[in-house]
C-alpha atoms as a PDB file:
ATOM      1  CA  SER A   1    -126.392  53.319 138.738  1.00  0.00           C
ATOM      2  CA  ARG A   2    -128.107  53.119 142.148  1.00  0.00           C
ATOM      3  CA  THR A   3    -130.356  50.293 143.292  1.00  0.00           C
ATOM      4  CA  PRO A   4    -134.038  51.347 143.683  1.00  0.00           C
ATOM      5  CA  LEU A   5    -134.309  49.989 147.244  1.00  0.00           C
ATOM      6  CA  GLN A   6    -137.833  51.347 147.688  1.00  0.00           C
ATOM      7  CA  ASP A   7    -139.133  49.260 144.768  1.00  0.00           C
ATOM      8  CA  LEU A   8    -137.705  45.875 145.782  1.00  0.00           C
ATOM      9  CA  PHE A   9    -139.278  43.009 147.714  1.00  0.00           C
ATOM     10  CA  GLY A  10    -137.165  40.647 149.790  1.00  0.00           C
ATOM     11  CA  THR A  11    -133.417  41.067 150.131  1.00  0.00           C
ATOM     12  CA  ILE A  12    -131.972  39.758 146.844  1.00  0.00           C
ATOM     13  CA  THR A  13    -131.262  42.469 144.278  1.00  0.00           C
ATOM     14  CA  PRO A  14    -132.055  41.471 140.672  1.00  0.00           C
ATOM     15  CA  SER A  15    -128.765  41.439 138.765  1.00  0.00           C
ATOM     16  CA  ASP A  16    -129.831  44.166 136.356  1.00  0.00           C
ATOM     17  CA  LEU A  17    -130.704  46.466 139.278  1.00  0.00           C
ATOM     18  CA  HIS A  18    -127.432  45.954 141.162  1.00  0.00           C
ATOM     19  CA  PHE A  19    -125.620  49.257 141.692  1.00  0.00           C
ATOM     20  CA  GLU A  20    -122.651  49.857 139.399  1.00  0.00           C
ATOM     21  CA  ARG A  21    -119.444  51.877 139.595  1.00  0.00           C
ATOM     22  CA  HIS A  22    -116.335  51.860 137.443  1.00  0.00           C
ATOM     23  CA  HIS A  23    -113.186  53.959 137.148  1.00  0.00           C
ATOM     24  CA  ASN A  24    -112.643  54.004 133.407  1.00  0.00           C
ATOM     25  CA  GLY A  25    -115.305  52.205 131.434  1.00  0.00           C
ATOM     26  CA  VAL A  26    -116.480  48.591 131.251  1.00  0.00           C
ATOM     27  CA  PRO A  27    -114.002  46.359 129.396  1.00  0.00           C
ATOM     28  CA  ALA A  28    -115.098  43.745 126.872  1.00  0.00           C
ATOM     29  CA  ILE A  29    -113.221  40.576 127.815  1.00  0.00           C
ATOM     30  CA  ASP A  30    -113.309  37.379 125.755  1.00  0.00           C
ATOM     31  CA  PRO A  31    -113.989  34.557 128.257  1.00  0.00           C
ATOM     32  CA  ALA A  32    -112.159  32.074 126.025  1.00  0.00           C
ATOM     33  CA  ARG A  33    -108.979  34.137 126.352  1.00  0.00           C
ATOM     34  CA  TYR A  34    -109.395  35.119 129.991  1.00  0.00           C
ATOM     35  CA  GLU A  35    -106.493  34.408 132.361  1.00  0.00           C
ATOM     36  CA  LEU A  36    -105.895  34.957 136.081  1.00  0.00           C
ATOM     37  CA  VAL A  37    -102.229  35.097 137.089  1.00  0.00           C
ATOM     38  CA  ILE A  38    -101.199  34.371 140.701  1.00  0.00           C
ATOM     39  CA  HIS A  39     -97.524  35.030 141.465  1.00  0.00           C
ATOM     40  CA  GLY A  40     -95.145  36.764 143.872  1.00  0.00           C
ATOM     41  CA  MET A  41     -94.383  35.086 147.198  1.00  0.00           C
ATOM     42  CA  VAL A  42     -95.663  31.664 146.174  1.00  0.00           C
ATOM     43  CA  GLU A  43     -94.046  28.267 145.606  1.00  0.00           C
ATOM     44  CA  GLN A  44     -95.439  27.862 142.088  1.00  0.00           C
ATOM     45  CA  PRO A  45     -96.742  30.831 140.067  1.00  0.00           C
ATOM     46  CA  MET A  46     -99.758  29.740 138.037  1.00  0.00           C
ATOM     47  CA  VAL A  47    -102.114  30.970 135.313  1.00  0.00           C
ATOM     48  CA  PHE A  48    -105.788  29.956 135.493  1.00  0.00           C
ATOM     49  CA  SER A  49    -108.275  30.079 132.630  1.00  0.00           C
ATOM     50  CA  LEU A  50    -111.991  30.537 133.271  1.00  0.00           C
ATOM     51  CA  SER A  51    -112.562  26.819 132.719  1.00  0.00           C
ATOM     52  CA  ASP A  52    -109.750  26.064 135.178  1.00  0.00           C
ATOM     53  CA  LEU A  53    -111.470  28.119 137.871  1.00  0.00           C
ATOM     54  CA  LYS A  54    -114.785  26.374 137.264  1.00  0.00           C
ATOM     55  CA  ARG A  55    -113.184  22.959 137.770  1.00  0.00           C
ATOM     56  CA  PHE A  56    -112.353  23.748 141.396  1.00  0.00           C
ATOM     57  CA  PRO A  57    -114.917  23.067 144.159  1.00  0.00           C
ATOM     58  CA  SER A  58    -117.385  25.948 144.103  1.00  0.00           C
ATOM     59  CA  VAL A  59    -119.008  27.915 146.900  1.00  0.00           C
ATOM     60  CA  SER A  60    -122.077  30.177 147.000  1.00  0.00           C
ATOM     61  CA  ARG A  61    -123.089  32.730 149.607  1.00  0.00           C
ATOM     62  CA  ILE A  62    -125.614  35.535 149.917  1.00  0.00           C
ATOM     63  CA  ALA A  63    -124.000  38.818 150.956  1.00  0.00           C
ATOM     64  CA  PHE A  64    -124.266  42.550 150.379  1.00  0.00           C
ATOM     65  CA  LEU A  65    -121.885  44.753 148.419  1.00  0.00           C
ATOM     66  CA  GLU A  66    -121.661  48.460 149.241  1.00  0.00           C
ATOM     67  CA  CYS A  67    -119.733  51.398 147.821  1.00  0.00           C
ATOM     68  CA  SER A  68    -117.682  53.267 150.409  1.00  0.00           C
ATOM     69  CA  GLY A  69    -119.267  56.472 149.074  1.00  0.00           C
ATOM     70  CA  ASN A  70    -122.804  55.315 149.869  1.00  0.00           C
ATOM     71  CA  TYR A  71    -125.250  57.652 151.634  1.00  0.00           C
ATOM     72  CA  ARG A  72    -126.284  61.100 150.532  1.00  0.00           C
ATOM     73  CA  GLY A  73    -128.406  63.319 152.683  1.00  0.00           C
ATOM     74  CA  ALA A  74    -131.123  65.621 151.371  1.00  0.00           C
ATOM     75  CA  SER A  75    -131.423  69.008 153.054  1.00  0.00           C
ATOM     76  CA  ASP A  76    -135.046  69.413 151.974  1.00  0.00           C
ATOM     77  CA  GLY A  77    -136.032  65.841 152.898  1.00  0.00           C
ATOM     78  CA  LYS A  78    -136.983  65.104 149.310  1.00  0.00           C
ATOM     79  CA  ALA A  79    -134.888  62.077 148.441  1.00  0.00           C
ATOM     80  CA  THR A  80    -135.808  58.464 147.784  1.00  0.00           C
ATOM     81  CA  PRO A  81    -133.994  55.532 149.440  1.00  0.00           C
ATOM     82  CA  GLN A  82    -132.376  54.949 146.054  1.00  0.00           C
ATOM     83  CA  GLN A  83    -130.895  58.443 146.075  1.00  0.00           C
ATOM     84  CA  ILE A  84    -129.886  58.298 149.736  1.00  0.00           C
ATOM     85  CA  CYS A  85    -128.465  54.793 150.058  1.00  0.00           C
ATOM     86  CA  GLY A  86    -128.726  53.108 146.657  1.00  0.00           C
ATOM     87  CA  LEU A  87    -125.052  52.153 146.416  1.00  0.00           C
ATOM     88  CA  THR A  88    -125.662  48.869 148.193  1.00  0.00           C
ATOM     89  CA  SER A  89    -127.099  45.683 146.720  1.00  0.00           C
ATOM     90  CA  GLN A  90    -127.294  42.010 147.618  1.00  0.00           C
ATOM     91  CA  SER A  91    -126.692  38.905 145.530  1.00  0.00           C
ATOM     92  CA  GLU A  92    -125.931  35.227 145.719  1.00  0.00           C
ATOM     93  CA  TRP A  93    -122.275  35.082 144.698  1.00  0.00           C
ATOM     94  CA  THR A  94    -120.749  31.910 143.294  1.00  0.00           C
ATOM     95  CA  GLY A  95    -117.146  31.008 142.570  1.00  0.00           C
ATOM     96  CA  VAL A  96    -114.053  29.366 144.012  1.00  0.00           C
ATOM     97  CA  LYS A  97    -112.622  30.234 147.419  1.00  0.00           C
ATOM     98  CA  LEU A  98    -109.419  32.239 147.133  1.00  0.00           C
ATOM     99  CA  SER A  99    -108.005  30.014 149.886  1.00  0.00           C
ATOM    100  CA  THR A 100    -108.329  27.076 147.473  1.00  0.00           C
ATOM    101  CA  LEU A 101    -106.152  28.873 144.920  1.00  0.00           C
ATOM    102  CA  PHE A 102    -103.738  29.963 147.642  1.00  0.00           C
ATOM    103  CA  ARG A 103    -103.165  26.313 148.516  1.00  0.00           C
ATOM    104  CA  GLU A 104    -102.799  25.448 144.833  1.00  0.00           C
ATOM    105  CA  VAL A 105     -99.926  27.919 144.296  1.00  0.00           C
ATOM    106  CA  GLY A 106     -98.414  27.439 147.756  1.00  0.00           C
ATOM    107  CA  VAL A 107     -98.546  30.856 149.383  1.00  0.00           C
ATOM    108  CA  ASP A 108     -95.428  31.769 151.372  1.00  0.00           C
ATOM    109  CA  PRO A 109     -96.347  31.954 155.102  1.00  0.00           C
ATOM    110  CA  LYS A 110     -94.330  35.198 155.291  1.00  0.00           C
ATOM    111  CA  SER A 111     -96.630  36.967 152.827  1.00  0.00           C
ATOM    112  CA  THR A 112     -99.050  39.381 154.504  1.00  0.00           C
ATOM    113  CA  TRP A 113    -100.652  41.270 151.586  1.00  0.00           C
ATOM    114  CA  PHE A 114    -101.809  40.536 148.077  1.00  0.00           C
ATOM    115  CA  LEU A 115    -102.406  42.855 145.164  1.00  0.00           C
ATOM    116  CA  ALA A 116    -105.681  42.502 143.240  1.00  0.00           C
ATOM    117  CA  GLU A 117    -105.478  43.989 139.747  1.00  0.00           C
ATOM    118  CA  GLY A 118    -108.407  44.538 137.409  1.00  0.00           C
ATOM    119  CA  GLY A 119    -108.451  44.307 133.633  1.00  0.00           C
ATOM    120  CA  ASP A 120    -110.171  47.655 133.082  1.00  0.00           C
ATOM    121  CA  ALA A 121    -108.561  50.654 131.400  1.00  0.00           C
ATOM    122  CA  ALA A 122    -107.759  52.155 134.817  1.00  0.00           C
ATOM    123  CA  LEU A 123    -106.008  48.972 135.975  1.00  0.00           C
ATOM    124  CA  MET A 124    -107.830  49.232 139.284  1.00  0.00           C
ATOM    125  CA  THR A 125    -105.474  47.848 141.931  1.00  0.00           C
ATOM    126  CA  ARG A 126    -105.852  47.418 145.701  1.00  0.00           C
ATOM    127  CA  SER A 127    -103.766  45.852 148.443  1.00  0.00           C
ATOM    128  CA  VAL A 128    -105.626  43.273 150.538  1.00  0.00           C
ATOM    129  CA  PRO A 129    -104.443  41.542 153.723  1.00  0.00           C
ATOM    130  CA  VAL A 130    -103.694  37.873 153.008  1.00  0.00           C
ATOM    131  CA  GLN A 131    -105.714  36.908 156.089  1.00  0.00           C
ATOM    132  CA  LYS A 132    -108.927  38.040 154.355  1.00  0.00           C
ATOM    133  CA  GLY A 133    -108.034  35.822 151.413  1.00  0.00           C
ATOM    134  CA  TRP A 134    -107.734  32.820 153.685  1.00  0.00           C
ATOM    135  CA  GLU A 135    -110.919  33.650 155.604  1.00  0.00           C
ATOM    136  CA  ASP A 136    -113.747  34.158 153.121  1.00  0.00           C
ATOM    137  CA  ALA A 137    -112.634  35.805 149.860  1.00  0.00           C
ATOM    138  CA  ILE A 138    -114.245  34.387 146.714  1.00  0.00           C
ATOM    139  CA  ILE A 139    -113.098  34.524 143.102  1.00  0.00           C
ATOM    140  CA  CYS A 140    -116.572  34.917 141.593  1.00  0.00           C
ATOM    141  CA  TYR A 141    -117.757  33.994 138.123  1.00  0.00           C
ATOM    142  CA  ALA A 142    -121.519  33.894 138.800  1.00  0.00           C
ATOM    143  CA  GLN A 143    -124.138  36.090 140.430  1.00  0.00           C
ATOM    144  CA  ASN A 144    -127.764  35.166 141.167  1.00  0.00           C
ATOM    145  CA  GLY A 145    -127.510  31.963 139.158  1.00  0.00           C
ATOM    146  CA  GLU A 146    -126.062  33.443 135.982  1.00  0.00           C
ATOM    147  CA  ALA A 147    -122.676  34.602 134.737  1.00  0.00           C
ATOM    148  CA  ILE A 148    -121.565  37.875 136.321  1.00  0.00           C
ATOM    149  CA  ARG A 149    -122.643  40.722 134.067  1.00  0.00           C
ATOM    150  CA  PRO A 150    -120.029  42.945 132.365  1.00  0.00           C
ATOM    151  CA  GLU A 151    -120.741  45.893 134.682  1.00  0.00           C
ATOM    152  CA  GLN A 152    -120.154  43.604 137.680  1.00  0.00           C
ATOM    153  CA  GLY A 153    -116.795  42.290 136.513  1.00  0.00           C
ATOM    154  CA  TYR A 154    -117.395  39.615 133.851  1.00  0.00           C
ATOM    155  CA  PRO A 155    -115.936  37.093 133.550  1.00  0.00           C
ATOM    156  CA  VAL A 156    -114.339  37.071 137.048  1.00  0.00           C
ATOM    157  CA  ARG A 157    -114.261  39.426 140.019  1.00  0.00           C
ATOM    158  CA  LEU A 158    -112.903  39.402 143.555  1.00  0.00           C
ATOM    159  CA  PHE A 159    -115.549  39.342 146.293  1.00  0.00           C
ATOM    160  CA  LEU A 160    -114.613  40.227 149.881  1.00  0.00           C
ATOM    161  CA  PRO A 161    -117.731  39.809 152.068  1.00  0.00           C
ATOM    162  CA  GLY A 162    -118.396  42.808 154.285  1.00  0.00           C
ATOM    163  CA  TRP A 163    -115.607  44.991 152.887  1.00  0.00           C
ATOM    164  CA  GLU A 164    -116.057  48.249 150.993  1.00  0.00           C
ATOM    165  CA  GLY A 165    -116.896  47.900 147.342  1.00  0.00           C
ATOM    166  CA  ASN A 166    -113.801  49.331 145.672  1.00  0.00           C
ATOM    167  CA  ILE A 167    -111.578  46.583 147.125  1.00  0.00           C
ATOM    168  CA  ASN A 168    -113.802  43.954 145.461  1.00  0.00           C
ATOM    169  CA  VAL A 169    -111.827  44.340 142.243  1.00  0.00           C
ATOM    170  CA  LYS A 170    -113.763  43.620 139.056  1.00  0.00           C
ATOM    171  CA  TRP A 171    -112.437  42.032 135.843  1.00  0.00           C
ATOM    172  CA  LEU A 172    -109.765  40.426 138.035  1.00  0.00           C
ATOM    173  CA  ARG A 173    -106.678  39.440 136.069  1.00  0.00           C
ATOM    174  CA  ARG A 174    -103.747  39.327 138.509  1.00  0.00           C
ATOM    175  CA  ILE A 175    -102.998  38.519 142.156  1.00  0.00           C
ATOM    176  CA  GLU A 176     -99.518  39.128 143.529  1.00  0.00           C
ATOM    177  CA  LEU A 177     -98.421  38.037 147.016  1.00  0.00           C
ATOM    178  CA  ALA A 178     -96.016  40.190 149.054  1.00  0.00           C
ATOM    179  CA  ASP A 179     -94.967  41.049 152.609  1.00  0.00           C
ATOM    180  CA  GLN A 180     -96.203  44.664 152.514  1.00  0.00           C
ATOM    181  CA  PRO A 181     -98.967  46.748 150.907  1.00  0.00           C
ATOM    182  CA  PHE A 182     -98.316  47.917 147.352  1.00  0.00           C
ATOM    183  CA  GLN A 183     -99.154  51.630 147.834  1.00  0.00           C
ATOM    184  CA  THR A 184    -101.166  51.860 144.617  1.00  0.00           C
ATOM    185  CA  ARG A 185    -102.763  55.056 143.353  1.00  0.00           C
ATOM    186  CA  GLN A 186    -106.212  53.977 144.523  1.00  0.00           C
ATOM    187  CA  GLU A 187    -105.020  53.502 148.129  1.00  0.00           C
ATOM    188  CA  THR A 188    -102.857  56.598 148.414  1.00  0.00           C
ATOM    189  CA  SER A 189    -104.529  59.402 146.466  1.00  0.00           C
ATOM    190  CA  LYS A 190    -107.939  57.683 146.587  1.00  0.00           C
ATOM    191  CA  TYR A 191    -110.061  55.824 149.154  1.00  0.00           C
ATOM    192  CA  THR A 192    -108.394  57.317 152.203  1.00  0.00           C
ATOM    193  CA  GLU A 193    -110.171  58.893 155.179  1.00  0.00           C
ATOM    194  CA  VAL A 194    -109.456  62.144 156.982  1.00  0.00           C
ATOM    195  CA  ILE A 195    -109.790  61.396 160.711  1.00  0.00           C
ATOM    196  CA  GLY A 196    -108.733  64.727 162.240  1.00  0.00           C
ATOM    197  CA  ASP A 197    -105.584  66.271 163.746  1.00  0.00           C
ATOM    198  CA  GLY A 198    -103.999  66.277 160.319  1.00  0.00           C
ATOM    199  CA  LYS A 199    -104.128  62.487 160.149  1.00  0.00           C
ATOM    200  CA  ILE A 200    -105.455  60.300 157.348  1.00  0.00           C
ATOM    201  CA  ARG A 201    -106.410  56.646 157.673  1.00  0.00           C
ATOM    202  CA  GLN A 202    -105.083  54.868 154.619  1.00  0.00           C
ATOM    203  CA  PHE A 203    -106.860  51.529 154.894  1.00  0.00           C
ATOM    204  CA  SER A 204    -110.547  51.336 155.816  1.00  0.00           C
ATOM    205  CA  PHE A 205    -111.899  47.931 154.929  1.00  0.00           C
ATOM    206  CA  THR A 206    -115.006  46.906 156.856  1.00  0.00           C
ATOM    207  CA  MET A 207    -118.428  48.440 156.210  1.00  0.00           C
ATOM    208  CA  ASP A 208    -119.999  49.279 159.562  1.00  0.00           C
ATOM    209  CA  ALA A 209    -123.618  48.781 160.616  1.00  0.00           C
ATOM    210  CA  ARG A 210    -126.238  50.708 158.654  1.00  0.00           C
ATOM    211  CA  SER A 211    -129.977  50.651 158.044  1.00  0.00           C
ATOM    212  CA  ILE A 212    -132.588  52.461 156.002  1.00  0.00           C
ATOM    213  CA  ILE A 213    -136.369  52.579 156.015  1.00  0.00           C
ATOM    214  CA  ILE A 214    -137.637  51.874 152.511  1.00  0.00           C
ATOM    215  CA  TYR A 215    -141.350  52.282 153.313  1.00  0.00           C
ATOM    216  CA  PRO A 216    -142.815  54.731 153.970  1.00  0.00           C
ATOM    217  CA  SER A 217    -140.328  57.048 152.298  1.00  0.00           C
ATOM    218  CA  TYR A 218    -140.411  60.035 149.985  1.00  0.00           C
ATOM    219  CA  PRO A 219    -142.568  60.507 147.925  1.00  0.00           C
ATOM    220  CA  ASN A 220    -145.031  58.080 149.633  1.00  0.00           C
ATOM    221  CA  LYS A 221    -148.092  59.579 151.309  1.00  0.00           C
ATOM    222  CA  VAL A 222    -149.558  57.822 154.352  1.00  0.00           C
ATOM    223  CA  GLU A 223    -152.997  57.829 155.911  1.00  0.00           C
ATOM    224  CA  LYS A 224    -154.093  57.607 159.520  1.00  0.00           C
ATOM    225  CA  GLY A 225    -154.216  54.040 160.812  1.00  0.00           C
ATOM    226  CA  TRP A 226    -151.955  51.007 160.680  1.00  0.00           C
ATOM    227  CA  ILE A 227    -148.725  51.315 158.722  1.00  0.00           C
ATOM    228  CA  GLU A 228    -146.089  48.614 158.243  1.00  0.00           C
ATOM    229  CA  ILE A 229    -142.705  50.288 158.441  1.00  0.00           C
ATOM    230  CA  ARG A 230    -140.224  48.275 156.356  1.00  0.00           C
ATOM    231  CA  GLY A 231    -136.508  48.482 155.775  1.00  0.00           C
ATOM    232  CA  ILE A 232    -133.164  46.715 155.605  1.00  0.00           C
ATOM    233  CA  ALA A 233    -130.198  46.626 157.984  1.00  0.00           C
ATOM    234  CA  TRP A 234    -126.706  45.246 157.430  1.00  0.00           C
ATOM    235  CA  SER A 235    -123.167  45.133 158.811  1.00  0.00           C
ATOM    236  CA  GLY A 236    -119.815  44.091 157.413  1.00  0.00           C
ATOM    237  CA  ARG A 237    -118.909  42.786 160.868  1.00  0.00           C
ATOM    238  CA  GLY A 238    -121.440  39.952 161.002  1.00  0.00           C
ATOM    239  CA  LYS A 239    -125.137  39.285 161.539  1.00  0.00           C
ATOM    240  CA  VAL A 240    -127.715  41.916 162.472  1.00  0.00           C
ATOM    241  CA  ALA A 241    -128.683  41.203 166.101  1.00  0.00           C
ATOM    242  CA  TRP A 242    -131.719  43.468 166.270  1.00  0.00           C
ATOM    243  CA  VAL A 243    -133.284  46.634 164.874  1.00  0.00           C
ATOM    244  CA  GLU A 244    -135.123  49.272 166.890  1.00  0.00           C
ATOM    245  CA  ILE A 245    -137.472  51.895 165.450  1.00  0.00           C
ATOM    246  CA  SER A 246    -138.546  55.220 166.905  1.00  0.00           C
ATOM    247  CA  THR A 247    -141.737  56.970 165.781  1.00  0.00           C
ATOM    248  CA  ASP A 248    -141.414  59.898 168.222  1.00  0.00           C
ATOM    249  CA  ALA A 249    -138.089  61.473 167.251  1.00  0.00           C
ATOM    250  CA  GLY A 250    -136.025  59.192 169.467  1.00  0.00           C
ATOM    251  CA  LYS A 251    -137.949  59.555 172.731  1.00  0.00           C
ATOM    252  CA  SER A 252    -138.782  55.843 172.726  1.00  0.00           C
ATOM    253  CA  TRP A 253    -137.686  52.800 170.746  1.00  0.00           C
ATOM    254  CA  LYS A 254    -139.498  49.602 169.751  1.00  0.00           C
ATOM    255  CA  ARG A 255    -137.985  46.314 168.592  1.00  0.00           C
ATOM    256  CA  ALA A 256    -138.707  45.506 164.942  1.00  0.00           C
ATOM    257  CA  ALA A 257    -139.272  41.981 163.615  1.00  0.00           C
ATOM    258  CA  LEU A 258    -136.460  40.534 161.494  1.00  0.00           C
ATOM    259  CA  GLN A 259    -137.155  38.452 158.408  1.00  0.00           C
ATOM    260  CA  GLU A 260    -135.412  35.087 158.455  1.00  0.00           C
ATOM    261  CA  PRO A 261    -132.925  33.957 157.415  1.00  0.00           C
ATOM    262  CA  VAL A 262    -130.621  36.432 159.152  1.00  0.00           C
ATOM    263  CA  LEU A 263    -127.315  35.884 157.353  1.00  0.00           C
ATOM    264  CA  ASP A 264    -123.749  36.933 158.027  1.00  0.00           C
ATOM    265  CA  LYS A 265    -122.738  40.175 156.260  1.00  0.00           C
ATOM    266  CA  ALA A 266    -126.097  40.373 154.504  1.00  0.00           C
ATOM    267  CA  HIS A 267    -129.027  42.730 154.089  1.00  0.00           C
ATOM    268  CA  THR A 268    -131.629  41.779 156.685  1.00  0.00           C
ATOM    269  CA  ALA A 269    -135.227  42.866 156.190  1.00  0.00           C
ATOM    270  CA  PHE A 270    -137.080  44.312 159.174  1.00  0.00           C
ATOM    271  CA  ARG A 271    -140.664  45.417 159.731  1.00  0.00           C
ATOM    272  CA  TYR A 272    -142.645  47.161 162.438  1.00  0.00           C
ATOM    273  CA  LEU A 273    -146.425  47.531 162.574  1.00  0.00           C
ATOM    274  CA  TRP A 274    -147.273  51.065 163.721  1.00  0.00           C
ATOM    275  CA  GLU A 275    -150.642  52.704 164.343  1.00  0.00           C
ATOM    276  CA  TRP A 276    -150.446  56.362 163.371  1.00  0.00           C
ATOM    277  CA  ASP A 277    -152.899  58.752 165.004  1.00  0.00           C
ATOM    278  CA  GLY A 278    -152.694  61.202 162.131  1.00  0.00           C
END
């Protein structure tokens, strides 16, 4: 279920190689019977079918998605990029802006949170600040030019650019507006962070800056001479400004070249030409 980063070219992950996680199986949902309910602190509660959603003005953007549990070290150094950091992938996501639907139902200005509920057997539910919904949240029905695949939330999923994967609820079926978080099981017993001194951070949303070298990497073997070091860097806080590479255990750093276009909240490819003396 991890993306083979070391085998990909460019920054778009083929849909069938996108990493996948679920809490209790992949539901089979009939698109003809699909409904999204938006209610709570709104002027007019509404139910949207899949065809209803597709009638609204659409938006597409390229952005990464990453599981909050991404990254696994290997004590013996024998791990591929897929094994280390394969719970991140990048796609072109297409759908309707959540802000468009917010205006349609008339969201109460006093509402500060919304509940996103999935249609899986676990009823995956997360509380999301309303501000994120107004900013850039997308109700997605397509990925890389085709319908979202079942493992990615078919027929509709929530996409929150730059935020940890579990909040991007798949098989989305309900959104409820409120003036406080909902304290669901997934945000109380799950997806919390121990930060020391007996304290636990309940809500951690944004994925911070990260990078990984995808070539050369285990089990590649290199020869003396010129080597193009390649990798990807990304941040849930915006665009990658620059990448530096060290080939002497951190004693010195060199600026790598970034592959355009450098997009907001997106995997950015970098490369550095290095002459190895053997």
